[in-house]
Structures are given as structure tokens and as C-alpha cells.
Amino acid sequence: GKVDVWGKVRTMSKAIKTAADEIGKEIDDPDQYVFFILDARNEDGALAAEKELRTILGEKADIRRHPMYAVIACHTGMKAVGLQYIKKVQGA
């Protein structure tokens, strides 16, 4: 994988909404994926991200929250929120 920029916005809430919307555009069947919310000590941002993803993907989406990994947080800084998704592997 890679870390990339989708776009630029001015507020954290707009950034979270933009990221969730982009994920929603790329995912055809949420049941085939696991979604992750990573945060660098930003509980409010993580909760907002979960709410946006559930609105777009549905309440049954497999969404997991974890602290942001140090290798990412050292580049983004405290209060960062990241969203990612991984396709489930059948038979694993």
C-alpha cells in the first residue's frame, strides 16, 4: 500500500467526511472489507469518522478502532485521524 493525498480541505470534520465519502465511492460491498480508524489521541475525531463511515457503509460494517501507529503519527502529528480498509481474504 501507500499513503497518498486525496484532496485538501480546511477543517478536521471536512477531512473526515471527504475520506469517508471517497471510501464509500470505492466500496461496492462493505461486507467484503474490514475498515479501520486510527487516531493519534483524537477520540472526538475517531468517533466522528466512525459515524461518517456507518452512515455511508451501514450499521453492520466491520469497523475497528486502533491507536495510530508511531511510524504514521510521527509524520502527521498528534490529533491525526486515519481511515483505511482491507479486503477480507476468503478461507484465511
PDB file of N, CA and C in Angstrom:
ATOM      1  N   GLY A   1       0.813  -1.182   0.000  1.00  0.00           N
ATOM      2  CA  GLY A   1       0.000   0.000   0.000  1.00  0.00           C
ATOM      3  C   GLY A   1       0.851   1.237   0.000  1.00  0.00           C
ATOM      4  N   LYS A   2       0.182   2.349   0.042  1.00  0.00           N
ATOM      5  CA  LYS A   2       0.884   3.620   0.083  1.00  0.00           C
ATOM      6  C   LYS A   2       0.016   4.667   0.764  1.00  0.00           C
ATOM      7  N   VAL A   3       0.657   5.710   1.214  1.00  0.00           N
ATOM      8  CA  VAL A   3      -0.037   6.854   1.795  1.00  0.00           C
ATOM      9  C   VAL A   3      -0.078   7.920   0.708  1.00  0.00           C
ATOM     10  N   ASP A   4      -1.248   8.488   0.474  1.00  0.00           N
ATOM     11  CA  ASP A   4      -1.395   9.452  -0.601  1.00  0.00           C
ATOM     12  C   ASP A   4      -2.386  10.533  -0.183  1.00  0.00           C
ATOM     13  N   VAL A   5      -2.438  11.618  -0.926  1.00  0.00           N
ATOM     14  CA  VAL A   5      -3.365  12.721  -0.671  1.00  0.00           C
ATOM     15  C   VAL A   5      -4.545  12.604  -1.633  1.00  0.00           C
ATOM     16  N   TRP A   6      -5.778  12.589  -1.089  1.00  0.00           N
ATOM     17  CA  TRP A   6      -6.986  12.574  -1.917  1.00  0.00           C
ATOM     18  C   TRP A   6      -7.386  13.987  -2.300  1.00  0.00           C
ATOM     19  N   GLY A   7      -7.174  14.880  -1.384  1.00  0.00           N
ATOM     20  CA  GLY A   7      -7.577  16.263  -1.598  1.00  0.00           C
ATOM     21  C   GLY A   7      -7.195  17.081  -0.389  1.00  0.00           C
ATOM     22  N   LYS A   8      -7.518  18.355  -0.428  1.00  0.00           N
ATOM     23  CA  LYS A   8      -7.196  19.242   0.688  1.00  0.00           C
ATOM     24  C   LYS A   8      -8.449  19.990   1.106  1.00  0.00           C
ATOM     25  N   VAL A   9      -8.673  20.021   2.408  1.00  0.00           N
ATOM     26  CA  VAL A   9      -9.796  20.751   2.995  1.00  0.00           C
ATOM     27  C   VAL A   9      -9.277  21.520   4.199  1.00  0.00           C
ATOM     28  N   ARG A  10     -10.107  22.372   4.764  1.00  0.00           N
ATOM     29  CA  ARG A  10      -9.634  23.260   5.830  1.00  0.00           C
ATOM     30  C   ARG A  10      -9.910  22.778   7.258  1.00  0.00           C
ATOM     31  N   THR A  11     -10.879  21.913   7.477  1.00  0.00           N
ATOM     32  CA  THR A  11     -11.194  21.510   8.852  1.00  0.00           C
ATOM     33  C   THR A  11     -11.123  19.995   8.996  1.00  0.00           C
ATOM     34  N   MET A  12     -10.956  19.564  10.230  1.00  0.00           N
ATOM     35  CA  MET A  12     -10.889  18.125  10.502  1.00  0.00           C
ATOM     36  C   MET A  12     -12.198  17.446  10.130  1.00  0.00           C
ATOM     37  N   SER A  13     -13.341  18.061  10.440  1.00  0.00           N
ATOM     38  CA  SER A  13     -14.625  17.431  10.120  1.00  0.00           C
ATOM     39  C   SER A  13     -14.802  17.271   8.610  1.00  0.00           C
ATOM     40  N   LYS A  14     -14.356  18.260   7.833  1.00  0.00           N
ATOM     41  CA  LYS A  14     -14.441  18.140   6.370  1.00  0.00           C
ATOM     42  C   LYS A  14     -13.477  17.072   5.860  1.00  0.00           C
ATOM     43  N   ALA A  15     -12.314  16.974   6.470  1.00  0.00           N
ATOM     44  CA  ALA A  15     -11.342  15.953   6.066  1.00  0.00           C
ATOM     45  C   ALA A  15     -11.889  14.547   6.318  1.00  0.00           C
ATOM     46  N   ILE A  16     -12.506  14.354   7.464  1.00  0.00           N
ATOM     47  CA  ILE A  16     -13.079  13.054   7.800  1.00  0.00           C
ATOM     48  C   ILE A  16     -14.222  12.722   6.843  1.00  0.00           C
ATOM     49  N   LYS A  17     -15.093  13.680   6.591  1.00  0.00           N
ATOM     50  CA  LYS A  17     -16.205  13.448   5.674  1.00  0.00           C
ATOM     51  C   LYS A  17     -15.694  13.134   4.273  1.00  0.00           C
ATOM     52  N   THR A  18     -14.701  13.867   3.806  1.00  0.00           N
ATOM     53  CA  THR A  18     -14.140  13.630   2.478  1.00  0.00           C
ATOM     54  C   THR A  18     -13.549  12.225   2.369  1.00  0.00           C
ATOM     55  N   ALA A  19     -12.784  11.812   3.383  1.00  0.00           N
ATOM     56  CA  ALA A  19     -12.183  10.479   3.372  1.00  0.00           C
ATOM     57  C   ALA A  19     -13.260   9.392   3.389  1.00  0.00           C
ATOM     58  N   ALA A  20     -14.271   9.553   4.229  1.00  0.00           N
ATOM     59  CA  ALA A  20     -15.358   8.567   4.295  1.00  0.00           C
ATOM     60  C   ALA A  20     -16.121   8.510   2.976  1.00  0.00           C
ATOM     61  N   ASP A  21     -16.366   9.659   2.363  1.00  0.00           N
ATOM     62  CA  ASP A  21     -17.059   9.689   1.064  1.00  0.00           C
ATOM     63  C   ASP A  21     -16.248   8.970  -0.011  1.00  0.00           C
ATOM     64  N   GLU A  22     -14.940   9.187  -0.029  1.00  0.00           N
ATOM     65  CA  GLU A  22     -14.076   8.525  -1.019  1.00  0.00           C
ATOM     66  C   GLU A  22     -14.093   7.011  -0.824  1.00  0.00           C
ATOM     67  N   ILE A  23     -14.052   6.566   0.415  1.00  0.00           N
ATOM     68  CA  ILE A  23     -14.129   5.128   0.688  1.00  0.00           C
ATOM     69  C   ILE A  23     -15.467   4.593   0.202  1.00  0.00           C
ATOM     70  N   GLY A  24     -16.542   5.313   0.476  1.00  0.00           N
ATOM     71  CA  GLY A  24     -17.874   4.893   0.035  1.00  0.00           C
ATOM     72  C   GLY A  24     -17.967   4.753  -1.475  1.00  0.00           C
ATOM     73  N   LYS A  25     -17.276   5.610  -2.215  1.00  0.00           N
ATOM     74  CA  LYS A  25     -17.283   5.539  -3.683  1.00  0.00           C
ATOM     75  C   LYS A  25     -16.539   4.306  -4.198  1.00  0.00           C
ATOM     76  N   GLU A  26     -15.518   3.876  -3.460  1.00  0.00           N
ATOM     77  CA  GLU A  26     -14.682   2.775  -3.918  1.00  0.00           C
ATOM     78  C   GLU A  26     -15.206   1.396  -3.505  1.00  0.00           C
ATOM     79  N   ILE A  27     -16.048   1.346  -2.489  1.00  0.00           N
ATOM     80  CA  ILE A  27     -16.521   0.072  -1.938  1.00  0.00           C
ATOM     81  C   ILE A  27     -17.890  -0.262  -2.497  1.00  0.00           C
ATOM     82  N   ASP A  28     -17.994  -1.422  -3.154  1.00  0.00           N
ATOM     83  CA  ASP A  28     -19.297  -1.842  -3.674  1.00  0.00           C
ATOM     84  C   ASP A  28     -20.048  -2.721  -2.684  1.00  0.00           C
ATOM     85  N   ASP A  29     -19.327  -3.528  -1.889  1.00  0.00           N
ATOM     86  CA  ASP A  29     -19.958  -4.411  -0.911  1.00  0.00           C
ATOM     87  C   ASP A  29     -19.190  -4.332   0.405  1.00  0.00           C
ATOM     88  N   PRO A  30     -19.658  -3.536   1.370  1.00  0.00           N
ATOM     89  CA  PRO A  30     -18.944  -3.372   2.634  1.00  0.00           C
ATOM     90  C   PRO A  30     -18.703  -4.685   3.385  1.00  0.00           C
ATOM     91  N   ASP A  31     -19.539  -5.708   3.137  1.00  0.00           N
ATOM     92  CA  ASP A  31     -19.353  -6.986   3.819  1.00  0.00           C
ATOM     93  C   ASP A  31     -18.059  -7.683   3.414  1.00  0.00           C
ATOM     94  N   GLN A  32     -17.460  -7.261   2.322  1.00  0.00           N
ATOM     95  CA  GLN A  32     -16.230  -7.882   1.831  1.00  0.00           C
ATOM     96  C   GLN A  32     -14.968  -7.215   2.383  1.00  0.00           C
ATOM     97  N   TYR A  33     -15.136  -6.229   3.272  1.00  0.00           N
ATOM     98  CA  TYR A  33     -13.996  -5.453   3.762  1.00  0.00           C
ATOM     99  C   TYR A  33     -14.026  -5.304   5.279  1.00  0.00           C
ATOM    100  N   VAL A  34     -12.849  -5.041   5.836  1.00  0.00           N
ATOM    101  CA  VAL A  34     -12.706  -4.613   7.227  1.00  0.00           C
ATOM    102  C   VAL A  34     -12.201  -3.176   7.166  1.00  0.00           C
ATOM    103  N   PHE A  35     -12.797  -2.300   7.946  1.00  0.00           N
ATOM    104  CA  PHE A  35     -12.468  -0.884   7.954  1.00  0.00           C
ATOM    105  C   PHE A  35     -11.783  -0.535   9.272  1.00  0.00           C
ATOM    106  N   PHE A  36     -10.789   0.329   9.194  1.00  0.00           N
ATOM    107  CA  PHE A  36     -10.028   0.715  10.380  1.00  0.00           C
ATOM    108  C   PHE A  36     -10.012   2.223  10.525  1.00  0.00           C
ATOM    109  N   ILE A  37     -10.148   2.664  11.765  1.00  0.00           N
ATOM    110  CA  ILE A  37      -9.989   4.069  12.109  1.00  0.00           C
ATOM    111  C   ILE A  37      -8.809   4.122  13.069  1.00  0.00           C
ATOM    112  N   LEU A  38      -7.796   4.887  12.693  1.00  0.00           N
ATOM    113  CA  LEU A  38      -6.605   5.054  13.517  1.00  0.00           C
ATOM    114  C   LEU A  38      -6.570   6.501  13.990  1.00  0.00           C
ATOM    115  N   ASP A  39      -6.259   6.708  15.265  1.00  0.00           N
ATOM    116  CA  ASP A  39      -6.177   8.090  15.726  1.00  0.00           C
ATOM    117  C   ASP A  39      -4.993   8.277  16.655  1.00  0.00           C
ATOM    118  N   ALA A  40      -4.422   9.481  16.579  1.00  0.00           N
ATOM    119  CA  ALA A  40      -3.316   9.875  17.437  1.00  0.00           C
ATOM    120  C   ALA A  40      -3.886  10.748  18.557  1.00  0.00           C
ATOM    121  N   ARG A  41      -4.492  10.083  19.509  1.00  0.00           N
ATOM    122  CA  ARG A  41      -5.116  10.741  20.668  1.00  0.00           C
ATOM    123  C   ARG A  41      -6.170  11.764  20.258  1.00  0.00           C
ATOM    124  N   ASN A  42      -7.068  11.329  19.402  1.00  0.00           N
ATOM    125  CA  ASN A  42      -8.159  12.203  18.956  1.00  0.00           C
ATOM    126  C   ASN A  42      -9.469  11.411  19.021  1.00  0.00           C
ATOM    127  N   GLU A  43      -9.963  11.238  20.213  1.00  0.00           N
ATOM    128  CA  GLU A  43     -11.197  10.480  20.440  1.00  0.00           C
ATOM    129  C   GLU A  43     -12.377  11.076  19.676  1.00  0.00           C
ATOM    130  N   ASP A  44     -12.526  12.388  19.719  1.00  0.00           N
ATOM    131  CA  ASP A  44     -13.645  13.037  19.030  1.00  0.00           C
ATOM    132  C   ASP A  44     -13.565  12.811  17.521  1.00  0.00           C
ATOM    133  N   GLY A  45     -12.376  12.932  16.960  1.00  0.00           N
ATOM    134  CA  GLY A  45     -12.195  12.699  15.530  1.00  0.00           C
ATOM    135  C   GLY A  45     -12.479  11.265  15.147  1.00  0.00           C
ATOM    136  N   ALA A  46     -12.037  10.324  15.981  1.00  0.00           N
ATOM    137  CA  ALA A  46     -12.279   8.909  15.708  1.00  0.00           C
ATOM    138  C   ALA A  46     -13.781   8.593  15.760  1.00  0.00           C
ATOM    139  N   LEU A  47     -14.481   9.162  16.721  1.00  0.00           N
ATOM    140  CA  LEU A  47     -15.928   8.949  16.812  1.00  0.00           C
ATOM    141  C   LEU A  47     -16.652   9.560  15.616  1.00  0.00           C
ATOM    142  N   ALA A  48     -16.204  10.733  15.181  1.00  0.00           N
ATOM    143  CA  ALA A  48     -16.804  11.372  14.006  1.00  0.00           C
ATOM    144  C   ALA A  48     -16.563  10.524  12.761  1.00  0.00           C
ATOM    145  N   ALA A  49     -15.364   9.954  12.643  1.00  0.00           N
ATOM    146  CA  ALA A  49     -15.045   9.094  11.498  1.00  0.00           C
ATOM    147  C   ALA A  49     -15.914   7.844  11.504  1.00  0.00           C
ATOM    148  N   GLU A  50     -16.099   7.250  12.679  1.00  0.00           N
ATOM    149  CA  GLU A  50     -16.945   6.058  12.754  1.00  0.00           C
ATOM    150  C   GLU A  50     -18.382   6.394  12.367  1.00  0.00           C
ATOM    151  N   LYS A  51     -18.886   7.528  12.829  1.00  0.00           N
ATOM    152  CA  LYS A  51     -20.251   7.937  12.485  1.00  0.00           C
ATOM    153  C   LYS A  51     -20.389   8.127  10.977  1.00  0.00           C
ATOM    154  N   GLU A  52     -19.430   8.800  10.345  1.00  0.00           N
ATOM    155  CA  GLU A  52     -19.475   9.014   8.886  1.00  0.00           C
ATOM    156  C   GLU A  52     -19.432   7.690   8.139  1.00  0.00           C
ATOM    157  N   LEU A  53     -18.526   6.794   8.535  1.00  0.00           N
ATOM    158  CA  LEU A  53     -18.434   5.506   7.849  1.00  0.00           C
ATOM    159  C   LEU A  53     -19.715   4.701   8.008  1.00  0.00           C
ATOM    160  N   ARG A  54     -20.291   4.706   9.199  1.00  0.00           N
ATOM    161  CA  ARG A  54     -21.536   3.943   9.408  1.00  0.00           C
ATOM    162  C   ARG A  54     -22.681   4.537   8.589  1.00  0.00           C
ATOM    163  N   THR A  55     -22.711   5.851   8.438  1.00  0.00           N
ATOM    164  CA  THR A  55     -23.733   6.490   7.616  1.00  0.00           C
ATOM    165  C   THR A  55     -23.602   6.038   6.164  1.00  0.00           C
ATOM    166  N   ILE A  56     -22.389   5.951   5.676  1.00  0.00           N
ATOM    167  CA  ILE A  56     -22.145   5.607   4.277  1.00  0.00           C
ATOM    168  C   ILE A  56     -22.210   4.099   4.032  1.00  0.00           C
ATOM    169  N   LEU A  57     -21.634   3.307   4.954  1.00  0.00           N
ATOM    170  CA  LEU A  57     -21.490   1.863   4.732  1.00  0.00           C
ATOM    171  C   LEU A  57     -22.580   1.029   5.389  1.00  0.00           C
ATOM    172  N   GLY A  58     -23.290   1.596   6.335  1.00  0.00           N
ATOM    173  CA  GLY A  58     -24.321   0.863   7.058  1.00  0.00           C
ATOM    174  C   GLY A  58     -23.857   0.450   8.440  1.00  0.00           C
ATOM    175  N   GLU A  59     -24.797   0.193   9.288  1.00  0.00           N
ATOM    176  CA  GLU A  59     -24.511  -0.136  10.689  1.00  0.00           C
ATOM    177  C   GLU A  59     -23.773  -1.460  10.855  1.00  0.00           C
ATOM    178  N   LYS A  60     -23.916  -2.376   9.907  1.00  0.00           N
ATOM    179  CA  LYS A  60     -23.300  -3.699  10.043  1.00  0.00           C
ATOM    180  C   LYS A  60     -21.851  -3.747   9.571  1.00  0.00           C
ATOM    181  N   ALA A  61     -21.337  -2.650   9.045  1.00  0.00           N
ATOM    182  CA  ALA A  61     -19.950  -2.633   8.555  1.00  0.00           C
ATOM    183  C   ALA A  61     -18.993  -2.990   9.687  1.00  0.00           C
ATOM    184  N   ASP A  62     -17.970  -3.779   9.373  1.00  0.00           N
ATOM    185  CA  ASP A  62     -16.955  -4.205  10.335  1.00  0.00           C
ATOM    186  C   ASP A  62     -15.918  -3.087  10.464  1.00  0.00           C
ATOM    187  N   ILE A  63     -16.135  -2.212  11.448  1.00  0.00           N
ATOM    188  CA  ILE A  63     -15.262  -1.057  11.662  1.00  0.00           C
ATOM    189  C   ILE A  63     -14.523  -1.261  12.981  1.00  0.00           C
ATOM    190  N   ARG A  64     -13.205  -1.154  12.917  1.00  0.00           N
ATOM    191  CA  ARG A  64     -12.367  -1.357  14.098  1.00  0.00           C
ATOM    192  C   ARG A  64     -11.538  -0.107  14.351  1.00  0.00           C
ATOM    193  N   ARG A  65     -11.353   0.199  15.636  1.00  0.00           N
ATOM    194  CA  ARG A  65     -10.569   1.380  16.009  1.00  0.00           C
ATOM    195  C   ARG A  65      -9.282   0.962  16.699  1.00  0.00           C
ATOM    196  N   HIS A  66      -8.211   1.680  16.368  1.00  0.00           N
ATOM    197  CA  HIS A  66      -6.903   1.410  16.969  1.00  0.00           C
ATOM    198  C   HIS A  66      -6.151   2.725  17.131  1.00  0.00           C
ATOM    199  N   PRO A  67      -5.192   2.745  18.060  1.00  0.00           N
ATOM    200  CA  PRO A  67      -4.318   3.918  18.130  1.00  0.00           C
ATOM    201  C   PRO A  67      -3.495   3.995  16.839  1.00  0.00           C
ATOM    202  N   MET A  68      -3.163   5.204  16.434  1.00  0.00           N
ATOM    203  CA  MET A  68      -2.352   5.375  15.228  1.00  0.00           C
ATOM    204  C   MET A  68      -0.943   4.855  15.513  1.00  0.00           C
ATOM    205  N   TYR A  69      -0.388   4.178  14.550  1.00  0.00           N
ATOM    206  CA  TYR A  69       0.949   3.623  14.686  1.00  0.00           C
ATOM    207  C   TYR A  69       1.971   4.754  14.717  1.00  0.00           C
ATOM    208  N   ALA A  70       3.023   4.581  15.497  1.00  0.00           N
ATOM    209  CA  ALA A  70       4.028   5.627  15.676  1.00  0.00           C
ATOM    210  C   ALA A  70       4.659   6.057  14.357  1.00  0.00           C
ATOM    211  N   VAL A  71       4.869   5.126  13.451  1.00  0.00           N
ATOM    212  CA  VAL A  71       5.507   5.463  12.174  1.00  0.00           C
ATOM    213  C   VAL A  71       4.650   6.428  11.353  1.00  0.00           C
ATOM    214  N   ILE A  72       3.334   6.384  11.529  1.00  0.00           N
ATOM    215  CA  ILE A  72       2.450   7.327  10.844  1.00  0.00           C
ATOM    216  C   ILE A  72       2.315   8.604  11.672  1.00  0.00           C
ATOM    217  N   ALA A  73       2.108   8.453  12.972  1.00  0.00           N
ATOM    218  CA  ALA A  73       1.881   9.612  13.846  1.00  0.00           C
ATOM    219  C   ALA A  73       3.074  10.568  13.861  1.00  0.00           C
ATOM    220  N   CYS A  74       4.298  10.050  13.685  1.00  0.00           N
ATOM    221  CA  CYS A  74       5.450  10.954  13.696  1.00  0.00           C
ATOM    222  C   CYS A  74       5.442  11.865  12.467  1.00  0.00           C
ATOM    223  N   HIS A  75       4.751  11.484  11.406  1.00  0.00           N
ATOM    224  CA  HIS A  75       4.648  12.322  10.213  1.00  0.00           C
ATOM    225  C   HIS A  75       3.414  13.223  10.232  1.00  0.00           C
ATOM    226  N   THR A  76       2.347  12.758  10.865  1.00  0.00           N
ATOM    227  CA  THR A  76       1.100  13.523  10.851  1.00  0.00           C
ATOM    228  C   THR A  76       0.952  14.420  12.065  1.00  0.00           C
ATOM    229  N   GLY A  77       1.489  14.013  13.201  1.00  0.00           N
ATOM    230  CA  GLY A  77       1.361  14.772  14.436  1.00  0.00           C
ATOM    231  C   GLY A  77       0.162  14.308  15.256  1.00  0.00           C
ATOM    232  N   MET A  78       0.095  14.821  16.474  1.00  0.00           N
ATOM    233  CA  MET A  78      -0.988  14.451  17.378  1.00  0.00           C
ATOM    234  C   MET A  78      -2.318  14.975  16.846  1.00  0.00           C
ATOM    235  N   LYS A  79      -3.368  14.278  17.201  1.00  0.00           N
ATOM    236  CA  LYS A  79      -4.755  14.586  16.826  1.00  0.00           C
ATOM    237  C   LYS A  79      -5.105  14.142  15.403  1.00  0.00           C
ATOM    238  N   ALA A  80      -4.196  13.457  14.729  1.00  0.00           N
ATOM    239  CA  ALA A  80      -4.494  12.969  13.379  1.00  0.00           C
ATOM    240  C   ALA A  80      -5.482  11.810  13.449  1.00  0.00           C
ATOM    241  N   VAL A  81      -6.248  11.654  12.372  1.00  0.00           N
ATOM    242  CA  VAL A  81      -7.190  10.536  12.231  1.00  0.00           C
ATOM    243  C   VAL A  81      -6.963   9.937  10.853  1.00  0.00           C
ATOM    244  N   GLY A  82      -6.869   8.626  10.802  1.00  0.00           N
ATOM    245  CA  GLY A  82      -6.690   7.943   9.529  1.00  0.00           C
ATOM    246  C   GLY A  82      -7.773   6.905   9.321  1.00  0.00           C
ATOM    247  N   LEU A  83      -8.202   6.729   8.072  1.00  0.00           N
ATOM    248  CA  LEU A  83      -9.178   5.706   7.716  1.00  0.00           C
ATOM    249  C   LEU A  83      -8.547   4.801   6.671  1.00  0.00           C
ATOM    250  N   GLN A  84      -8.760   3.517   6.814  1.00  0.00           N
ATOM    251  CA  GLN A  84      -8.252   2.579   5.836  1.00  0.00           C
ATOM    252  C   GLN A  84      -9.203   1.393   5.757  1.00  0.00           C
ATOM    253  N   TYR A  85      -9.070   0.620   4.691  1.00  0.00           N
ATOM    254  CA  TYR A  85      -9.876  -0.575   4.542  1.00  0.00           C
ATOM    255  C   TYR A  85      -9.053  -1.653   3.871  1.00  0.00           C
ATOM    256  N   ILE A  86      -9.389  -2.899   4.203  1.00  0.00           N
ATOM    257  CA  ILE A  86      -8.679  -4.049   3.670  1.00  0.00           C
ATOM    258  C   ILE A  86      -9.714  -5.074   3.240  1.00  0.00           C
ATOM    259  N   LYS A  87      -9.554  -5.621   2.058  1.00  0.00           N
ATOM    260  CA  LYS A  87     -10.469  -6.658   1.577  1.00  0.00           C
ATOM    261  C   LYS A  87     -10.246  -7.935   2.376  1.00  0.00           C
ATOM    262  N   LYS A  88     -11.327  -8.575   2.780  1.00  0.00           N
ATOM    263  CA  LYS A  88     -11.244  -9.825   3.511  1.00  0.00           C
ATOM    264  C   LYS A  88     -10.730 -10.926   2.599  1.00  0.00           C
ATOM    265  N   VAL A  89      -9.925 -11.820   3.161  1.00  0.00           N
ATOM    266  CA  VAL A  89      -9.395 -12.949   2.409  1.00  0.00           C
ATOM    267  C   VAL A  89     -10.238 -14.164   2.744  1.00  0.00           C
ATOM    268  N   GLN A  90     -10.834 -14.761   1.738  1.00  0.00           N
ATOM    269  CA  GLN A  90     -11.666 -15.939   1.952  1.00  0.00           C
ATOM    270  C   GLN A  90     -10.811 -17.147   2.324  1.00  0.00           C
ATOM    271  N   GLY A  91     -11.234 -17.870   3.344  1.00  0.00           N
ATOM    272  CA  GLY A  91     -10.540 -19.078   3.764  1.00  0.00           C
ATOM    273  C   GLY A  91      -9.354 -18.838   4.672  1.00  0.00           C
ATOM    274  N   ALA A  92      -9.114 -17.591   5.052  1.00  0.00           N
ATOM    275  CA  ALA A  92      -7.961 -17.304   5.909  1.00  0.00           C
ATOM    276  C   ALA A  92      -8.348 -17.368   7.368  1.00  0.00           C
TER     277      ALA A  92
END
